[in-house]
PDB file of N, CA and C in Angstrom:
ATOM      1  N   UNK A   1      12.089   2.420   2.062  1.00  0.00           N
ATOM      2  CA  UNK A   1      12.065   1.475   1.322  1.00  0.00           C
ATOM      3  C   UNK A   1      10.760   0.735   1.939  1.00  0.00           C
ATOM      4  N   UNK A   2      10.265   0.959   1.121  1.00  0.00           N
ATOM      5  CA  UNK A   2       8.976  -0.173   1.724  1.00  0.00           C
ATOM      6  C   UNK A   2       8.472  -1.222   0.484  1.00  0.00           C
ATOM      7  N   UNK A   3       7.593  -2.213   1.304  1.00  0.00           N
ATOM      8  CA  UNK A   3       7.210  -3.174   0.637  1.00  0.00           C
ATOM      9  C   UNK A   3       6.178  -2.940  -0.785  1.00  0.00           C
ATOM     10  N   UNK A   4       6.267  -2.936  -1.787  1.00  0.00           N
ATOM     11  CA  UNK A   4       4.714  -2.121  -2.060  1.00  0.00           C
ATOM     12  C   UNK A   4       4.367  -2.827  -3.345  1.00  0.00           C
ATOM     13  N   UNK A   5       3.249  -2.936  -3.902  1.00  0.00           N
ATOM     14  CA  UNK A   5       2.628  -3.637  -5.273  1.00  0.00           C
ATOM     15  C   UNK A   5       2.209  -4.842  -4.364  1.00  0.00           C
ATOM     16  N   UNK A   6       2.088  -5.359  -3.672  1.00  0.00           N
ATOM     17  CA  UNK A   6       2.022  -6.210  -3.266  1.00  0.00           C
ATOM     18  C   UNK A   6      -0.147  -6.817  -3.676  1.00  0.00           C
ATOM     19  N   UNK A   7       0.126  -7.819  -4.298  1.00  0.00           N
ATOM     20  CA  UNK A   7      -1.704  -8.472  -4.186  1.00  0.00           C
ATOM     21  C   UNK A   7      -2.105  -9.893  -3.801  1.00  0.00           C
ATOM     22  N   UNK A   8      -2.973  -9.267  -2.463  1.00  0.00           N
ATOM     23  CA  UNK A   8      -3.224 -10.797  -2.346  1.00  0.00           C
ATOM     24  C   UNK A   8      -4.592 -10.735  -2.613  1.00  0.00           C
ATOM     25  N   UNK A   9      -5.025 -11.733  -2.894  1.00  0.00           N
ATOM     26  CA  UNK A   9      -6.543 -12.261  -3.851  1.00  0.00           C
ATOM     27  C   UNK A   9      -7.191 -13.786  -2.646  1.00  0.00           C
ATOM     28  N   UNK A  10      -8.071 -13.503  -2.482  1.00  0.00           N
ATOM     29  CA  UNK A  10      -8.946 -14.279  -1.618  1.00  0.00           C
ATOM     30  C   UNK A  10      -9.949 -14.571  -1.757  1.00  0.00           C
ATOM     31  N   UNK A  11     -10.378 -16.220  -2.202  1.00  0.00           N
ATOM     32  CA  UNK A  11     -11.793 -16.231  -3.034  1.00  0.00           C
ATOM     33  C   UNK A  11     -12.846 -17.258  -1.891  1.00  0.00           C
ATOM     34  N   UNK A  12     -11.246 -17.383  -0.682  1.00  0.00           N
ATOM     35  CA  UNK A  12     -12.123 -18.435   0.409  1.00  0.00           C
ATOM     36  C   UNK A  12     -13.216 -17.603   0.975  1.00  0.00           C
ATOM     37  N   UNK A  13     -14.033 -18.313   1.693  1.00  0.00           N
ATOM     38  CA  UNK A  13     -15.725 -18.106   2.433  1.00  0.00           C
ATOM     39  C   UNK A  13     -14.883 -17.798   4.004  1.00  0.00           C
ATOM     40  N   UNK A  14     -13.608 -18.306   4.469  1.00  0.00           N
ATOM     41  CA  UNK A  14     -14.097 -18.105   5.664  1.00  0.00           C
ATOM     42  C   UNK A  14     -12.681 -16.624   5.495  1.00  0.00           C
ATOM     43  N   UNK A  15     -13.180 -15.548   6.336  1.00  0.00           N
ATOM     44  CA  UNK A  15     -12.355 -14.303   6.529  1.00  0.00           C
ATOM     45  C   UNK A  15     -10.811 -14.623   7.238  1.00  0.00           C
ATOM     46  N   UNK A  16     -11.110 -15.570   8.284  1.00  0.00           N
ATOM     47  CA  UNK A  16      -9.837 -15.852   8.805  1.00  0.00           C
ATOM     48  C   UNK A  16      -8.335 -16.520   7.847  1.00  0.00           C
ATOM     49  N   UNK A  17      -9.100 -17.020   6.744  1.00  0.00           N
ATOM     50  CA  UNK A  17      -8.073 -17.500   5.503  1.00  0.00           C
ATOM     51  C   UNK A  17      -7.085 -15.807   5.172  1.00  0.00           C
ATOM     52  N   UNK A  18      -7.948 -15.064   5.114  1.00  0.00           N
ATOM     53  CA  UNK A  18      -7.445 -13.688   4.242  1.00  0.00           C
ATOM     54  C   UNK A  18      -6.651 -13.118   5.915  1.00  0.00           C
ATOM     55  N   UNK A  19      -7.167 -13.221   6.012  1.00  0.00           N
ATOM     56  CA  UNK A  19      -6.446 -12.154   7.829  1.00  0.00           C
ATOM     57  C   UNK A  19      -5.107 -13.197   7.603  1.00  0.00           C
ATOM     58  N   UNK A  20      -4.833 -14.448   7.878  1.00  0.00           N
ATOM     59  CA  UNK A  20      -3.704 -15.160   8.451  1.00  0.00           C
ATOM     60  C   UNK A  20      -2.873 -14.704   7.543  1.00  0.00           C
ATOM     61  N   UNK A  21      -3.195 -14.597   5.542  1.00  0.00           N
ATOM     62  CA  UNK A  21      -2.464 -14.609   4.792  1.00  0.00           C
ATOM     63  C   UNK A  21      -1.932 -12.989   5.135  1.00  0.00           C
ATOM     64  N   UNK A  22      -3.004 -11.769   5.623  1.00  0.00           N
ATOM     65  CA  UNK A  22      -2.586 -10.643   5.948  1.00  0.00           C
ATOM     66  C   UNK A  22      -1.418 -10.379   6.669  1.00  0.00           C
ATOM     67  N   UNK A  23      -1.667 -11.600   7.564  1.00  0.00           N
ATOM     68  CA  UNK A  23      -0.439 -11.205   8.909  1.00  0.00           C
ATOM     69  C   UNK A  23       0.344 -11.953   8.507  1.00  0.00           C
ATOM     70  N   UNK A  24       0.821 -13.461   7.452  1.00  0.00           N
ATOM     71  CA  UNK A  24       1.918 -13.387   6.800  1.00  0.00           C
ATOM     72  C   UNK A  24       3.180 -12.807   6.547  1.00  0.00           C
ATOM     73  N   UNK A  25       2.089 -11.979   4.754  1.00  0.00           N
ATOM     74  CA  UNK A  25       2.945 -10.709   4.704  1.00  0.00           C
ATOM     75  C   UNK A  25       3.097 -10.210   5.465  1.00  0.00           C
ATOM     76  N   UNK A  26       2.408  -9.399   6.639  1.00  0.00           N
ATOM     77  CA  UNK A  26       3.107  -8.915   7.279  1.00  0.00           C
ATOM     78  C   UNK A  26       4.237  -8.551   8.309  1.00  0.00           C
ATOM     79  N   UNK A  27       4.268  -9.805   8.108  1.00  0.00           N
ATOM     80  CA  UNK A  27       5.743 -10.284   9.543  1.00  0.00           C
ATOM     81  C   UNK A  27       6.673 -10.287   8.611  1.00  0.00           C
ATOM     82  N   UNK A  28       6.618 -11.360   7.824  1.00  0.00           N
ATOM     83  CA  UNK A  28       7.895 -11.280   6.640  1.00  0.00           C
ATOM     84  C   UNK A  28       7.924  -9.475   6.130  1.00  0.00           C
ATOM     85  N   UNK A  29       7.122  -8.488   5.616  1.00  0.00           N
ATOM     86  CA  UNK A  29       7.884  -7.874   5.849  1.00  0.00           C
ATOM     87  C   UNK A  29       8.478  -7.192   6.932  1.00  0.00           C
ATOM     88  N   UNK A  30       8.156  -7.188   7.707  1.00  0.00           N
ATOM     89  CA  UNK A  30       9.089  -6.727   9.405  1.00  0.00           C
ATOM     90  C   UNK A  30      10.390  -7.580   9.407  1.00  0.00           C
ATOM     91  N   UNK A  31      10.237  -8.621   9.314  1.00  0.00           N
ATOM     92  CA  UNK A  31      11.416  -9.484   9.625  1.00  0.00           C
ATOM     93  C   UNK A  31      12.726  -9.433   8.303  1.00  0.00           C
ATOM     94  N   UNK A  32      12.173  -9.083   7.085  1.00  0.00           N
ATOM     95  CA  UNK A  32      13.033  -8.545   6.010  1.00  0.00           C
ATOM     96  C   UNK A  32      13.059  -6.413   6.069  1.00  0.00           C
ATOM     97  N   UNK A  33      12.750  -5.818   7.483  1.00  0.00           N
ATOM     98  CA  UNK A  33      12.844  -4.328   7.292  1.00  0.00           C
ATOM     99  C   UNK A  33      12.267  -3.813   5.823  1.00  0.00           C
ATOM    100  N   UNK A  34      11.108  -4.474   5.420  1.00  0.00           N
ATOM    101  CA  UNK A  34      10.799  -3.482   4.775  1.00  0.00           C
ATOM    102  C   UNK A  34       8.915  -3.205   4.577  1.00  0.00           C
ATOM    103  N   UNK A  35       9.309  -2.788   5.633  1.00  0.00           N
ATOM    104  CA  UNK A  35       7.579  -2.373   6.474  1.00  0.00           C
ATOM    105  C   UNK A  35       6.489  -2.024   5.123  1.00  0.00           C
ATOM    106  N   UNK A  36       5.149  -2.133   5.363  1.00  0.00           N
ATOM    107  CA  UNK A  36       3.924  -1.703   4.677  1.00  0.00           C
ATOM    108  C   UNK A  36       3.558  -0.789   4.909  1.00  0.00           C
ATOM    109  N   UNK A  37       3.156   0.107   3.825  1.00  0.00           N
ATOM    110  CA  UNK A  37       3.273   1.562   3.986  1.00  0.00           C
ATOM    111  C   UNK A  37       1.546   1.359   3.999  1.00  0.00           C
ATOM    112  N   UNK A  38       1.302   0.947   5.783  1.00  0.00           N
ATOM    113  CA  UNK A  38      -0.528   0.629   6.010  1.00  0.00           C
ATOM    114  C   UNK A  38      -1.637   1.800   5.673  1.00  0.00           C
ATOM    115  N   UNK A  39      -0.452   3.322   5.548  1.00  0.00           N
ATOM    116  CA  UNK A  39      -1.968   4.120   5.224  1.00  0.00           C
ATOM    117  C   UNK A  39      -2.709   4.004   3.829  1.00  0.00           C
ATOM    118  N   UNK A  40      -1.697   3.378   2.770  1.00  0.00           N
ATOM    119  CA  UNK A  40      -1.706   2.619   1.532  1.00  0.00           C
ATOM    120  C   UNK A  40      -2.349   1.722   1.377  1.00  0.00           C
ATOM    121  N   UNK A  41      -2.497   0.694   1.615  1.00  0.00           N
ATOM    122  CA  UNK A  41      -3.033  -0.771   2.391  1.00  0.00           C
ATOM    123  C   UNK A  41      -4.784  -0.222   1.930  1.00  0.00           C
ATOM    124  N   UNK A  42      -5.137  -1.023   1.082  1.00  0.00           N
ATOM    125  CA  UNK A  42      -6.645  -0.762   1.020  1.00  0.00           C
ATOM    126  C   UNK A  42      -7.010  -2.723   0.716  1.00  0.00           C
ATOM    127  N   UNK A  43      -8.621  -2.734   0.889  1.00  0.00           N
ATOM    128  CA  UNK A  43      -9.441  -3.401   0.983  1.00  0.00           C
ATOM    129  C   UNK A  43     -10.362  -3.560  -0.441  1.00  0.00           C
ATOM    130  N   UNK A  44     -10.335  -4.387  -1.338  1.00  0.00           N
ATOM    131  CA  UNK A  44     -10.746  -4.767  -2.578  1.00  0.00           C
ATOM    132  C   UNK A  44     -12.175  -5.668  -2.754  1.00  0.00           C
ATOM    133  N   UNK A  45     -13.497  -5.081  -2.406  1.00  0.00           N
ATOM    134  CA  UNK A  45     -14.133  -6.261  -2.402  1.00  0.00           C
ATOM    135  C   UNK A  45     -14.906  -6.229  -3.499  1.00  0.00           C
ATOM    136  N   UNK A  46     -14.638  -7.431  -4.002  1.00  0.00           N
ATOM    137  CA  UNK A  46     -15.610  -7.267  -5.476  1.00  0.00           C
ATOM    138  C   UNK A  46     -16.625  -8.944  -5.293  1.00  0.00           C
ATOM    139  N   UNK A  47     -17.876  -8.987  -5.660  1.00  0.00           N
ATOM    140  CA  UNK A  47     -19.054  -9.890  -5.992  1.00  0.00           C
ATOM    141  C   UNK A  47     -20.379  -9.091  -5.315  1.00  0.00           C
ATOM    142  N   UNK A  48     -21.337  -9.374  -5.487  1.00  0.00           N
ATOM    143  CA  UNK A  48     -22.462  -9.359  -5.291  1.00  0.00           C
ATOM    144  C   UNK A  48     -22.896  -9.901  -3.976  1.00  0.00           C
ATOM    145  N   UNK A  49     -22.241 -11.102  -3.613  1.00  0.00           N
ATOM    146  CA  UNK A  49     -22.193 -11.888  -1.783  1.00  0.00           C
ATOM    147  C   UNK A  49     -21.071 -11.585  -1.253  1.00  0.00           C
ATOM    148  N   UNK A  50     -20.266 -10.783  -1.439  1.00  0.00           N
ATOM    149  CA  UNK A  50     -19.272 -10.382  -0.145  1.00  0.00           C
ATOM    150  C   UNK A  50     -19.123  -9.770   0.709  1.00  0.00           C
ATOM    151  N   UNK A  51     -19.428  -9.970   1.754  1.00  0.00           N
ATOM    152  CA  UNK A  51     -19.886  -9.536   2.803  1.00  0.00           C
ATOM    153  C   UNK A  51     -18.769  -8.709   3.560  1.00  0.00           C
ATOM    154  N   UNK A  52     -17.967  -8.368   2.869  1.00  0.00           N
ATOM    155  CA  UNK A  52     -17.109  -6.969   3.349  1.00  0.00           C
ATOM    156  C   UNK A  52     -16.953  -6.971   4.695  1.00  0.00           C
ATOM    157  N   UNK A  53     -15.663  -7.829   4.908  1.00  0.00           N
ATOM    158  CA  UNK A  53     -15.303  -8.148   6.584  1.00  0.00           C
ATOM    159  C   UNK A  53     -14.361  -6.792   6.794  1.00  0.00           C
ATOM    160  N   UNK A  54     -13.895  -6.045   8.091  1.00  0.00           N
ATOM    161  CA  UNK A  54     -12.877  -5.350   7.987  1.00  0.00           C
ATOM    162  C   UNK A  54     -11.970  -5.992   8.073  1.00  0.00           C
ATOM    163  N   UNK A  55     -11.022  -5.374   7.246  1.00  0.00           N
ATOM    164  CA  UNK A  55      -9.286  -6.362   8.111  1.00  0.00           C
ATOM    165  C   UNK A  55      -8.678  -5.144   8.533  1.00  0.00           C
ATOM    166  N   UNK A  56      -7.256  -5.682   9.409  1.00  0.00           N
ATOM    167  CA  UNK A  56      -7.096  -4.968  10.442  1.00  0.00           C
ATOM    168  C   UNK A  56      -5.157  -5.505   9.894  1.00  0.00           C
ATOM    169  N   UNK A  57      -4.189  -5.041  10.200  1.00  0.00           N
ATOM    170  CA  UNK A  57      -3.065  -5.348  10.168  1.00  0.00           C
ATOM    171  C   UNK A  57      -2.505  -4.401  11.175  1.00  0.00           C
ATOM    172  N   UNK A  58      -1.593  -4.391  12.614  1.00  0.00           N
ATOM    173  CA  UNK A  58      -1.349  -4.242  13.602  1.00  0.00           C
ATOM    174  C   UNK A  58      -1.960  -3.368  14.238  1.00  0.00           C
ATOM    175  N   UNK A  59      -3.346  -3.752  14.553  1.00  0.00           N
ATOM    176  CA  UNK A  59      -4.193  -3.113  14.832  1.00  0.00           C
ATOM    177  C   UNK A  59      -4.803  -1.741  14.254  1.00  0.00           C
ATOM    178  N   UNK A  60      -4.579  -1.829  12.979  1.00  0.00           N
ATOM    179  CA  UNK A  60      -4.935  -0.865  11.936  1.00  0.00           C
ATOM    180  C   UNK A  60      -5.792  -1.005  10.795  1.00  0.00           C
ATOM    181  N   UNK A  61      -7.035  -0.447  11.259  1.00  0.00           N
ATOM    182  CA  UNK A  61      -8.177  -0.957   9.974  1.00  0.00           C
ATOM    183  C   UNK A  61      -7.675  -0.613   8.950  1.00  0.00           C
ATOM    184  N   UNK A  62      -7.654  -1.528   7.926  1.00  0.00           N
ATOM    185  CA  UNK A  62      -7.368  -0.882   6.145  1.00  0.00           C
ATOM    186  C   UNK A  62      -8.835  -0.674   5.754  1.00  0.00           C
ATOM    187  N   UNK A  63      -8.144   0.867   5.358  1.00  0.00           N
ATOM    188  CA  UNK A  63      -9.491   1.054   4.366  1.00  0.00           C
ATOM    189  C   UNK A  63     -10.140   0.458   3.335  1.00  0.00           C
ATOM    190  N   UNK A  64     -11.880   0.285   3.071  1.00  0.00           N
ATOM    191  CA  UNK A  64     -11.656  -0.641   1.922  1.00  0.00           C
ATOM    192  C   UNK A  64     -12.779   0.548   0.827  1.00  0.00           C
ATOM    193  N   UNK A  65     -12.769  -0.649   0.018  1.00  0.00           N
ATOM    194  CA  UNK A  65     -13.411   0.199  -1.466  1.00  0.00           C
ATOM    195  C   UNK A  65     -14.106  -0.872  -2.249  1.00  0.00           C
ATOM    196  N   UNK A  66     -14.587  -0.344  -3.023  1.00  0.00           N
ATOM    197  CA  UNK A  66     -15.694  -1.238  -4.079  1.00  0.00           C
ATOM    198  C   UNK A  66     -15.138  -1.221  -5.953  1.00  0.00           C
ATOM    199  N   UNK A  67     -14.186   0.090  -5.723  1.00  0.00           N
ATOM    200  CA  UNK A  67     -13.517   0.077  -7.175  1.00  0.00           C
ATOM    201  C   UNK A  67     -12.085   0.948  -6.815  1.00  0.00           C
ATOM    202  N   UNK A  68     -11.289   0.418  -7.652  1.00  0.00           N
ATOM    203  CA  UNK A  68      -9.518   1.266  -7.399  1.00  0.00           C
ATOM    204  C   UNK A  68      -8.675   0.777  -8.156  1.00  0.00           C
ATOM    205  N   UNK A  69      -8.020   1.698  -8.527  1.00  0.00           N
ATOM    206  CA  UNK A  69      -7.347   1.860 -10.309  1.00  0.00           C
ATOM    207  C   UNK A  69      -6.035   1.664  -9.479  1.00  0.00           C
ATOM    208  N   UNK A  70      -5.089   0.012 -10.193  1.00  0.00           N
ATOM    209  CA  UNK A  70      -3.797  -0.180 -10.098  1.00  0.00           C
ATOM    210  C   UNK A  70      -3.641   0.238 -11.229  1.00  0.00           C
ATOM    211  N   UNK A  71      -2.060   0.629 -11.557  1.00  0.00           N
ATOM    212  CA  UNK A  71      -0.795   0.595 -12.847  1.00  0.00           C
ATOM    213  C   UNK A  71      -2.096   0.534 -14.075  1.00  0.00           C
ATOM    214  N   UNK A  72      -3.044   1.939 -14.057  1.00  0.00           N
ATOM    215  CA  UNK A  72      -4.180   1.869 -15.236  1.00  0.00           C
ATOM    216  C   UNK A  72      -5.110   1.422 -15.405  1.00  0.00           C
ATOM    217  N   UNK A  73      -5.195  -0.092 -14.626  1.00  0.00           N
ATOM    218  CA  UNK A  73      -6.093  -1.132 -14.334  1.00  0.00           C
ATOM    219  C   UNK A  73      -7.629  -0.426 -13.503  1.00  0.00           C
ATOM    220  N   UNK A  74      -8.424  -0.750 -13.619  1.00  0.00           N
ATOM    221  CA  UNK A  74      -9.566  -0.020 -12.931  1.00  0.00           C
ATOM    222  C   UNK A  74     -10.686  -1.583 -12.160  1.00  0.00           C
ATOM    223  N   UNK A  75     -10.334  -1.878 -11.118  1.00  0.00           N
ATOM    224  CA  UNK A  75     -11.034  -3.067 -10.434  1.00  0.00           C
ATOM    225  C   UNK A  75     -12.251  -2.678 -10.228  1.00  0.00           C
ATOM    226  N   UNK A  76     -13.571  -3.398 -10.582  1.00  0.00           N
ATOM    227  CA  UNK A  76     -14.846  -2.835  -9.808  1.00  0.00           C
ATOM    228  C   UNK A  76     -15.413  -3.607 -10.570  1.00  0.00           C
ATOM    229  N   UNK A  77     -16.738  -4.125  -9.425  1.00  0.00           N
ATOM    230  CA  UNK A  77     -17.832  -4.603 -10.097  1.00  0.00           C
ATOM    231  C   UNK A  77     -18.829  -4.437 -11.021  1.00  0.00           C
ATOM    232  N   UNK A  78     -18.782  -2.638 -11.225  1.00  0.00           N
ATOM    233  CA  UNK A  78     -19.987  -2.053 -11.844  1.00  0.00           C
ATOM    234  C   UNK A  78     -19.328  -1.991 -13.299  1.00  0.00           C
ATOM    235  N   UNK A  79     -18.068  -2.061 -13.218  1.00  0.00           N
ATOM    236  CA  UNK A  79     -16.956  -2.298 -15.015  1.00  0.00           C
ATOM    237  C   UNK A  79     -17.835  -3.387 -15.406  1.00  0.00           C
ATOM    238  N   UNK A  80     -17.971  -4.155 -14.391  1.00  0.00           N
ATOM    239  CA  UNK A  80     -18.343  -6.237 -14.678  1.00  0.00           C
ATOM    240  C   UNK A  80     -16.948  -6.330 -14.973  1.00  0.00           C
ATOM    241  N   UNK A  81     -16.156  -6.233 -14.358  1.00  0.00           N
ATOM    242  CA  UNK A  81     -15.218  -6.568 -13.991  1.00  0.00           C
ATOM    243  C   UNK A  81     -13.633  -6.285 -14.339  1.00  0.00           C
ATOM    244  N   UNK A  82     -12.397  -6.080 -15.332  1.00  0.00           N
ATOM    245  CA  UNK A  82     -11.358  -5.521 -15.054  1.00  0.00           C
ATOM    246  C   UNK A  82     -11.778  -5.022 -16.538  1.00  0.00           C
ATOM    247  N   UNK A  83     -11.043  -3.247 -16.253  1.00  0.00           N
ATOM    248  CA  UNK A  83     -11.433  -2.617 -17.688  1.00  0.00           C
ATOM    249  C   UNK A  83     -10.016  -1.536 -17.191  1.00  0.00           C
ATOM    250  N   UNK A  84      -9.374  -1.379 -18.616  1.00  0.00           N
ATOM    251  CA  UNK A  84      -8.299   0.008 -18.619  1.00  0.00           C
ATOM    252  C   UNK A  84      -8.722   0.978 -18.560  1.00  0.00           C
ATOM    253  N   UNK A  85      -8.079   2.402 -17.461  1.00  0.00           N
ATOM    254  CA  UNK A  85      -8.623   3.457 -17.467  1.00  0.00           C
ATOM    255  C   UNK A  85      -8.784   4.278 -19.257  1.00  0.00           C
ATOM    256  N   UNK A  86      -7.491   4.034 -19.632  1.00  0.00           N
ATOM    257  CA  UNK A  86      -7.700   4.333 -21.466  1.00  0.00           C
ATOM    258  C   UNK A  86      -9.047   3.781 -21.869  1.00  0.00           C
ATOM    259  N   UNK A  87      -9.604   2.808 -21.655  1.00  0.00           N
ATOM    260  CA  UNK A  87     -11.185   2.237 -22.310  1.00  0.00           C
ATOM    261  C   UNK A  87     -12.212   3.382 -21.664  1.00  0.00           C
ATOM    262  N   UNK A  88     -11.897   3.691 -20.391  1.00  0.00           N
ATOM    263  CA  UNK A  88     -12.976   3.934 -19.549  1.00  0.00           C
ATOM    264  C   UNK A  88     -12.973   5.711 -20.141  1.00  0.00           C
ATOM    265  N   UNK A  89     -12.074   6.182 -19.942  1.00  0.00           N
ATOM    266  CA  UNK A  89     -12.254   7.743 -20.646  1.00  0.00           C
ATOM    267  C   UNK A  89     -12.664   7.532 -21.721  1.00  0.00           C
ATOM    268  N   UNK A  90     -12.313   6.961 -22.923  1.00  0.00           N
ATOM    269  CA  UNK A  90     -12.772   6.941 -24.053  1.00  0.00           C
ATOM    270  C   UNK A  90     -13.802   6.891 -24.245  1.00  0.00           C
ATOM    271  N   UNK A  91     -14.993   5.672 -23.483  1.00  0.00           N
ATOM    272  CA  UNK A  91     -15.771   5.808 -23.455  1.00  0.00           C
ATOM    273  C   UNK A  91     -16.417   6.841 -22.673  1.00  0.00           C
ATOM    274  N   UNK A  92     -16.687   7.734 -21.791  1.00  0.00           N
ATOM    275  CA  UNK A  92     -17.173   8.652 -21.177  1.00  0.00           C
ATOM    276  C   UNK A  92     -16.868   9.703 -21.940  1.00  0.00           C
ATOM    277  N   UNK A  93     -15.309  10.198 -23.171  1.00  0.00           N
ATOM    278  CA  UNK A  93     -15.954  11.255 -23.953  1.00  0.00           C
ATOM    279  C   UNK A  93     -17.282  10.680 -25.178  1.00  0.00           C
ATOM    280  N   UNK A  94     -16.783   9.199 -25.610  1.00  0.00           N
ATOM    281  CA  UNK A  94     -17.828   9.263 -26.712  1.00  0.00           C
ATOM    282  C   UNK A  94     -19.145   9.577 -25.883  1.00  0.00           C
ATOM    283  N   UNK A  95     -19.936   9.281 -24.951  1.00  0.00           N
ATOM    284  CA  UNK A  95     -21.075   9.505 -23.886  1.00  0.00           C
ATOM    285  C   UNK A  95     -20.866  10.841 -24.122  1.00  0.00           C
ATOM    286  N   UNK A  96     -20.373  11.431 -23.818  1.00  0.00           N
ATOM    287  CA  UNK A  96     -20.256  13.101 -23.517  1.00  0.00           C
ATOM    288  C   UNK A  96     -20.646  13.713 -25.504  1.00  0.00           C
ATOM    289  N   UNK A  97     -20.525  13.336 -25.897  1.00  0.00           N
ATOM    290  CA  UNK A  97     -20.766  13.941 -27.444  1.00  0.00           C
ATOM    291  C   UNK A  97     -22.470  13.176 -27.921  1.00  0.00           C
ATOM    292  N   UNK A  98     -22.669  12.244 -26.951  1.00  0.00           N
ATOM    293  CA  UNK A  98     -24.262  12.189 -27.607  1.00  0.00           C
ATOM    294  C   UNK A  98     -25.342  13.166 -26.604  1.00  0.00           C
TER     295      UNK A  98
END
């Protein structure tokens, strides 16, 4: 059993705040014997001024991305926020006919 579907958001200018929160979640999951599947953990960078810091958990570098689909919702700055994957498919289909 794994701890999954945890979302952590930070708008802090200090990346160390996010590091502290990541460590707290990691410690909690370790204490409760619900390990994080670190291979599936990602850092989603949003915003034009995002410095895109690299984050580590238990000395493992988390992969970084600019877009991600979770539960059918695409998070991406290219899409100007959040869009459902069905809306994006509809737009792709519509564009393919023109």
